[in-house]
Amino acid sequence: MSLSAQERDPRIGTWKVNVAQSTFDPGPPPQSVTRTYEDRGGGVTLGTVEGINAQGHPIFAQVAYQFDGTDYPLATLGAQTVTTVAFKLVDADTVETILKTGGKVTSTSTSTVSKDGKTMTFREKGTNAQGQPFSDVGVYEKQ
């Protein structure tokens, strides 16, 4: 599935996490997270995640991608292994994402933009760097 020329990706823009409305299991939650999505033309989106984790360290990840299920390299701070991410449209408001580290799936997620375009819910399940399972629901507000 892809967005037609007339459809605009509702994720385009800047989104900030509302930590109070979000859940991070096992936690603790990050101090801040901002997701920015930019339309780069030709069906390419540039996604950037920036923030401060629970320990006060910076978070940064960036990827240029299309909604075609292809693994795209993810640039992150302090990466020790190659991480890729693949994106597929479920419908005009929902994207499914598969994150792989060293070729192994480490998490899957969906992000859904509300009908009014003001909220994006990011649901992610997987295994963290310490091998522990996690399940997060991030509620992001459009800026």
C-alpha atoms as a PDB file:
ATOM      1  CA  MET A   1       0.000   0.000   0.000  1.00  0.00           C
ATOM      2  CA  SER A   2       1.221   3.519  -0.688  1.00  0.00           C
ATOM      3  CA  LEU A   3      -0.146   7.011  -0.357  1.00  0.00           C
ATOM      4  CA  SER A   4      -1.520   8.417  -3.584  1.00  0.00           C
ATOM      5  CA  ALA A   5      -0.260  11.721  -4.950  1.00  0.00           C
ATOM      6  CA  GLN A   6      -3.326  13.428  -3.460  1.00  0.00           C
ATOM      7  CA  GLU A   7      -2.844  11.934   0.025  1.00  0.00           C
ATOM      8  CA  ARG A   8      -0.505  13.641   2.453  1.00  0.00           C
ATOM      9  CA  ASP A   9       1.271  11.534   5.063  1.00  0.00           C
ATOM     10  CA  PRO A  10      -0.377  12.620   8.362  1.00  0.00           C
ATOM     11  CA  ARG A  11       2.893  11.923  10.218  1.00  0.00           C
ATOM     12  CA  ILE A  12       4.725  14.768   8.437  1.00  0.00           C
ATOM     13  CA  GLY A  13       5.685  17.345  11.049  1.00  0.00           C
ATOM     14  CA  THR A  14       7.024  17.425  14.607  1.00  0.00           C
ATOM     15  CA  TRP A  15       5.629  15.320  17.457  1.00  0.00           C
ATOM     16  CA  LYS A  16       6.511  15.450  21.176  1.00  0.00           C
ATOM     17  CA  VAL A  17       5.864  12.605  23.595  1.00  0.00           C
ATOM     18  CA  ASN A  18       3.414  13.202  26.408  1.00  0.00           C
ATOM     19  CA  VAL A  19       5.170  11.090  29.063  1.00  0.00           C
ATOM     20  CA  ALA A  20       2.206  11.319  31.465  1.00  0.00           C
ATOM     21  CA  GLN A  21      -0.144   9.730  28.899  1.00  0.00           C
ATOM     22  CA  SER A  22       2.405   7.114  27.780  1.00  0.00           C
ATOM     23  CA  THR A  23       3.418   3.769  29.293  1.00  0.00           C
ATOM     24  CA  PHE A  24       6.910   2.280  29.269  1.00  0.00           C
ATOM     25  CA  ASP A  25       7.204  -1.306  30.486  1.00  0.00           C
ATOM     26  CA  PRO A  26       9.537  -2.054  32.181  1.00  0.00           C
ATOM     27  CA  GLY A  27      10.468   1.660  32.341  1.00  0.00           C
ATOM     28  CA  PRO A  28      11.641   4.105  33.457  1.00  0.00           C
ATOM     29  CA  PRO A  29      10.301   6.507  30.813  1.00  0.00           C
ATOM     30  CA  PRO A  30      12.515   8.846  28.793  1.00  0.00           C
ATOM     31  CA  GLN A  31      12.759  12.459  29.932  1.00  0.00           C
ATOM     32  CA  SER A  32      11.798  13.692  26.463  1.00  0.00           C
ATOM     33  CA  VAL A  33      11.367  12.431  22.890  1.00  0.00           C
ATOM     34  CA  THR A  34      10.640  14.410  19.727  1.00  0.00           C
ATOM     35  CA  ARG A  35       9.881  12.673  16.428  1.00  0.00           C
ATOM     36  CA  THR A  36      10.164  14.692  13.219  1.00  0.00           C
ATOM     37  CA  TYR A  37       9.029  13.443   9.811  1.00  0.00           C
ATOM     38  CA  GLU A  38       9.976  15.382   6.668  1.00  0.00           C
ATOM     39  CA  ASP A  39       8.691  14.752   3.141  1.00  0.00           C
ATOM     40  CA  ARG A  40      11.811  14.689   0.951  1.00  0.00           C
ATOM     41  CA  GLY A  41       9.895  14.135  -2.305  1.00  0.00           C
ATOM     42  CA  GLY A  42       9.641  11.098  -4.546  1.00  0.00           C
ATOM     43  CA  GLY A  43       8.004   9.071  -1.784  1.00  0.00           C
ATOM     44  CA  VAL A  44      11.016   9.477   0.545  1.00  0.00           C
ATOM     45  CA  THR A  45      10.522  10.469   4.194  1.00  0.00           C
ATOM     46  CA  LEU A  46      13.288  11.529   6.572  1.00  0.00           C
ATOM     47  CA  GLY A  47      12.507  10.436  10.120  1.00  0.00           C
ATOM     48  CA  THR A  48      14.433  11.800  13.103  1.00  0.00           C
ATOM     49  CA  VAL A  49      14.069  10.883  16.785  1.00  0.00           C
ATOM     50  CA  GLU A  50      15.777  13.098  19.371  1.00  0.00           C
ATOM     51  CA  GLY A  51      15.494  13.359  23.113  1.00  0.00           C
ATOM     52  CA  ILE A  52      16.864  12.524  26.533  1.00  0.00           C
ATOM     53  CA  ASN A  53      16.614   8.996  27.963  1.00  0.00           C
ATOM     54  CA  ALA A  54      15.735   8.131  31.565  1.00  0.00           C
ATOM     55  CA  GLN A  55      19.420   8.322  32.567  1.00  0.00           C
ATOM     56  CA  GLY A  56      19.827  11.830  31.132  1.00  0.00           C
ATOM     57  CA  HIS A  57      21.761  10.775  28.007  1.00  0.00           C
ATOM     58  CA  PRO A  58      20.924  12.050  24.518  1.00  0.00           C
ATOM     59  CA  ILE A  59      18.834   9.940  22.133  1.00  0.00           C
ATOM     60  CA  PHE A  60      19.279  10.339  18.381  1.00  0.00           C
ATOM     61  CA  ALA A  61      18.221   8.213  15.422  1.00  0.00           C
ATOM     62  CA  GLN A  62      17.638   9.128  11.787  1.00  0.00           C
ATOM     63  CA  VAL A  63      16.551   7.247   8.685  1.00  0.00           C
ATOM     64  CA  ALA A  64      15.475   8.099   5.129  1.00  0.00           C
ATOM     65  CA  TYR A  65      12.852   5.602   3.955  1.00  0.00           C
ATOM     66  CA  GLN A  66       9.919   4.696   1.754  1.00  0.00           C
ATOM     67  CA  PHE A  67       6.806   2.690   2.682  1.00  0.00           C
ATOM     68  CA  ASP A  68       7.966  -0.387   0.766  1.00  0.00           C
ATOM     69  CA  GLY A  69       8.997  -2.909   3.446  1.00  0.00           C
ATOM     70  CA  THR A  70      12.697  -2.561   2.521  1.00  0.00           C
ATOM     71  CA  ASP A  71      15.302  -2.505   5.308  1.00  0.00           C
ATOM     72  CA  TYR A  72      16.837   0.976   5.507  1.00  0.00           C
ATOM     73  CA  PRO A  73      19.953   1.736   7.619  1.00  0.00           C
ATOM     74  CA  LEU A  74      19.235   3.629  10.831  1.00  0.00           C
ATOM     75  CA  ALA A  75      21.837   6.140  12.040  1.00  0.00           C
ATOM     76  CA  THR A  76      22.017   6.155  15.856  1.00  0.00           C
ATOM     77  CA  LEU A  77      24.293   7.506  18.580  1.00  0.00           C
ATOM     78  CA  GLY A  78      26.961   5.015  19.670  1.00  0.00           C
ATOM     79  CA  ALA A  79      25.814   2.229  17.352  1.00  0.00           C
ATOM     80  CA  GLN A  80      27.863  -0.948  17.785  1.00  0.00           C
ATOM     81  CA  THR A  81      26.030  -2.976  15.147  1.00  0.00           C
ATOM     82  CA  VAL A  82      24.071  -2.237  11.993  1.00  0.00           C
ATOM     83  CA  THR A  83      20.447  -1.428  12.722  1.00  0.00           C
ATOM     84  CA  THR A  84      17.851  -1.327   9.977  1.00  0.00           C
ATOM     85  CA  VAL A  85      14.205  -0.386   9.916  1.00  0.00           C
ATOM     86  CA  ALA A  86      11.463  -1.251   7.425  1.00  0.00           C
ATOM     87  CA  PHE A  87       8.178   0.644   6.996  1.00  0.00           C
ATOM     88  CA  LYS A  88       4.855  -0.464   5.517  1.00  0.00           C
ATOM     89  CA  LEU A  89       1.554   1.396   5.358  1.00  0.00           C
ATOM     90  CA  VAL A  90      -1.301  -0.478   7.009  1.00  0.00           C
ATOM     91  CA  ASP A  91      -3.713   2.283   6.002  1.00  0.00           C
ATOM     92  CA  ALA A  92      -3.478   6.058   5.420  1.00  0.00           C
ATOM     93  CA  ASP A  93      -3.179   6.698   9.194  1.00  0.00           C
ATOM     94  CA  THR A  94      -1.157   3.667  10.369  1.00  0.00           C
ATOM     95  CA  VAL A  95       2.423   2.544   9.694  1.00  0.00           C
ATOM     96  CA  GLU A  96       3.955  -0.785  10.689  1.00  0.00           C
ATOM     97  CA  THR A  97       7.684  -0.753  11.481  1.00  0.00           C
ATOM     98  CA  ILE A  98      10.161  -3.615  11.920  1.00  0.00           C
ATOM     99  CA  LEU A  99      13.491  -2.827  13.600  1.00  0.00           C
ATOM    100  CA  LYS A 100      16.434  -5.205  13.161  1.00  0.00           C
ATOM    101  CA  THR A 101      19.841  -5.161  14.826  1.00  0.00           C
ATOM    102  CA  GLY A 102      22.550  -7.306  13.278  1.00  0.00           C
ATOM    103  CA  GLY A 103      19.879  -8.766  10.963  1.00  0.00           C
ATOM    104  CA  LYS A 104      17.689  -9.989  13.871  1.00  0.00           C
ATOM    105  CA  VAL A 105      14.245  -8.490  14.560  1.00  0.00           C
ATOM    106  CA  THR A 106      14.461  -6.621  17.875  1.00  0.00           C
ATOM    107  CA  SER A 107      11.107  -4.817  17.827  1.00  0.00           C
ATOM    108  CA  THR A 108       7.920  -4.275  15.892  1.00  0.00           C
ATOM    109  CA  SER A 109       5.703  -1.243  16.166  1.00  0.00           C
ATOM    110  CA  THR A 110       2.722   0.573  14.767  1.00  0.00           C
ATOM    111  CA  SER A 111       2.148   4.301  14.744  1.00  0.00           C
ATOM    112  CA  THR A 112      -1.359   5.598  14.225  1.00  0.00           C
ATOM    113  CA  VAL A 113      -2.347   9.225  13.734  1.00  0.00           C
ATOM    114  CA  SER A 114      -5.730  10.215  15.160  1.00  0.00           C
ATOM    115  CA  LYS A 115      -8.489  11.281  12.768  1.00  0.00           C
ATOM    116  CA  ASP A 116      -8.121  14.910  13.930  1.00  0.00           C
ATOM    117  CA  GLY A 117      -4.357  14.777  13.192  1.00  0.00           C
ATOM    118  CA  LYS A 118      -3.390  16.016  16.678  1.00  0.00           C
ATOM    119  CA  THR A 119      -2.183  12.788  18.312  1.00  0.00           C
ATOM    120  CA  MET A 120       0.023   9.903  17.209  1.00  0.00           C
ATOM    121  CA  THR A 121       0.056   6.673  19.212  1.00  0.00           C
ATOM    122  CA  PHE A 122       3.286   4.680  18.871  1.00  0.00           C
ATOM    123  CA  ARG A 123       2.979   1.055  20.107  1.00  0.00           C
ATOM    124  CA  GLU A 124       6.240  -0.925  20.246  1.00  0.00           C
ATOM    125  CA  LYS A 125       7.126  -4.401  21.524  1.00  0.00           C
ATOM    126  CA  GLY A 126      10.466  -6.119  21.443  1.00  0.00           C
ATOM    127  CA  THR A 127      13.675  -6.921  23.267  1.00  0.00           C
ATOM    128  CA  ASN A 128      15.997  -4.214  24.596  1.00  0.00           C
ATOM    129  CA  ALA A 129      19.815  -4.174  24.421  1.00  0.00           C
ATOM    130  CA  GLN A 130      19.965  -6.104  27.715  1.00  0.00           C
ATOM    131  CA  GLY A 131      17.798  -8.897  26.276  1.00  0.00           C
ATOM    132  CA  GLN A 132      14.726  -7.931  28.318  1.00  0.00           C
ATOM    133  CA  PRO A 133      11.267  -7.813  26.740  1.00  0.00           C
ATOM    134  CA  PHE A 134       9.594  -4.404  26.603  1.00  0.00           C
ATOM    135  CA  SER A 135       6.221  -3.025  25.627  1.00  0.00           C
ATOM    136  CA  ASP A 136       5.793   0.727  25.192  1.00  0.00           C
ATOM    137  CA  VAL A 137       2.875   2.923  24.204  1.00  0.00           C
ATOM    138  CA  GLY A 138       3.999   6.459  23.407  1.00  0.00           C
ATOM    139  CA  VAL A 139       1.383   9.170  22.998  1.00  0.00           C
ATOM    140  CA  TYR A 140       2.755  12.025  20.871  1.00  0.00           C
ATOM    141  CA  GLU A 141       1.219  15.453  20.351  1.00  0.00           C
ATOM    142  CA  LYS A 142       1.558  17.376  17.077  1.00  0.00           C
ATOM    143  CA  GLN A 143       3.566  20.569  17.494  1.00  0.00           C
END
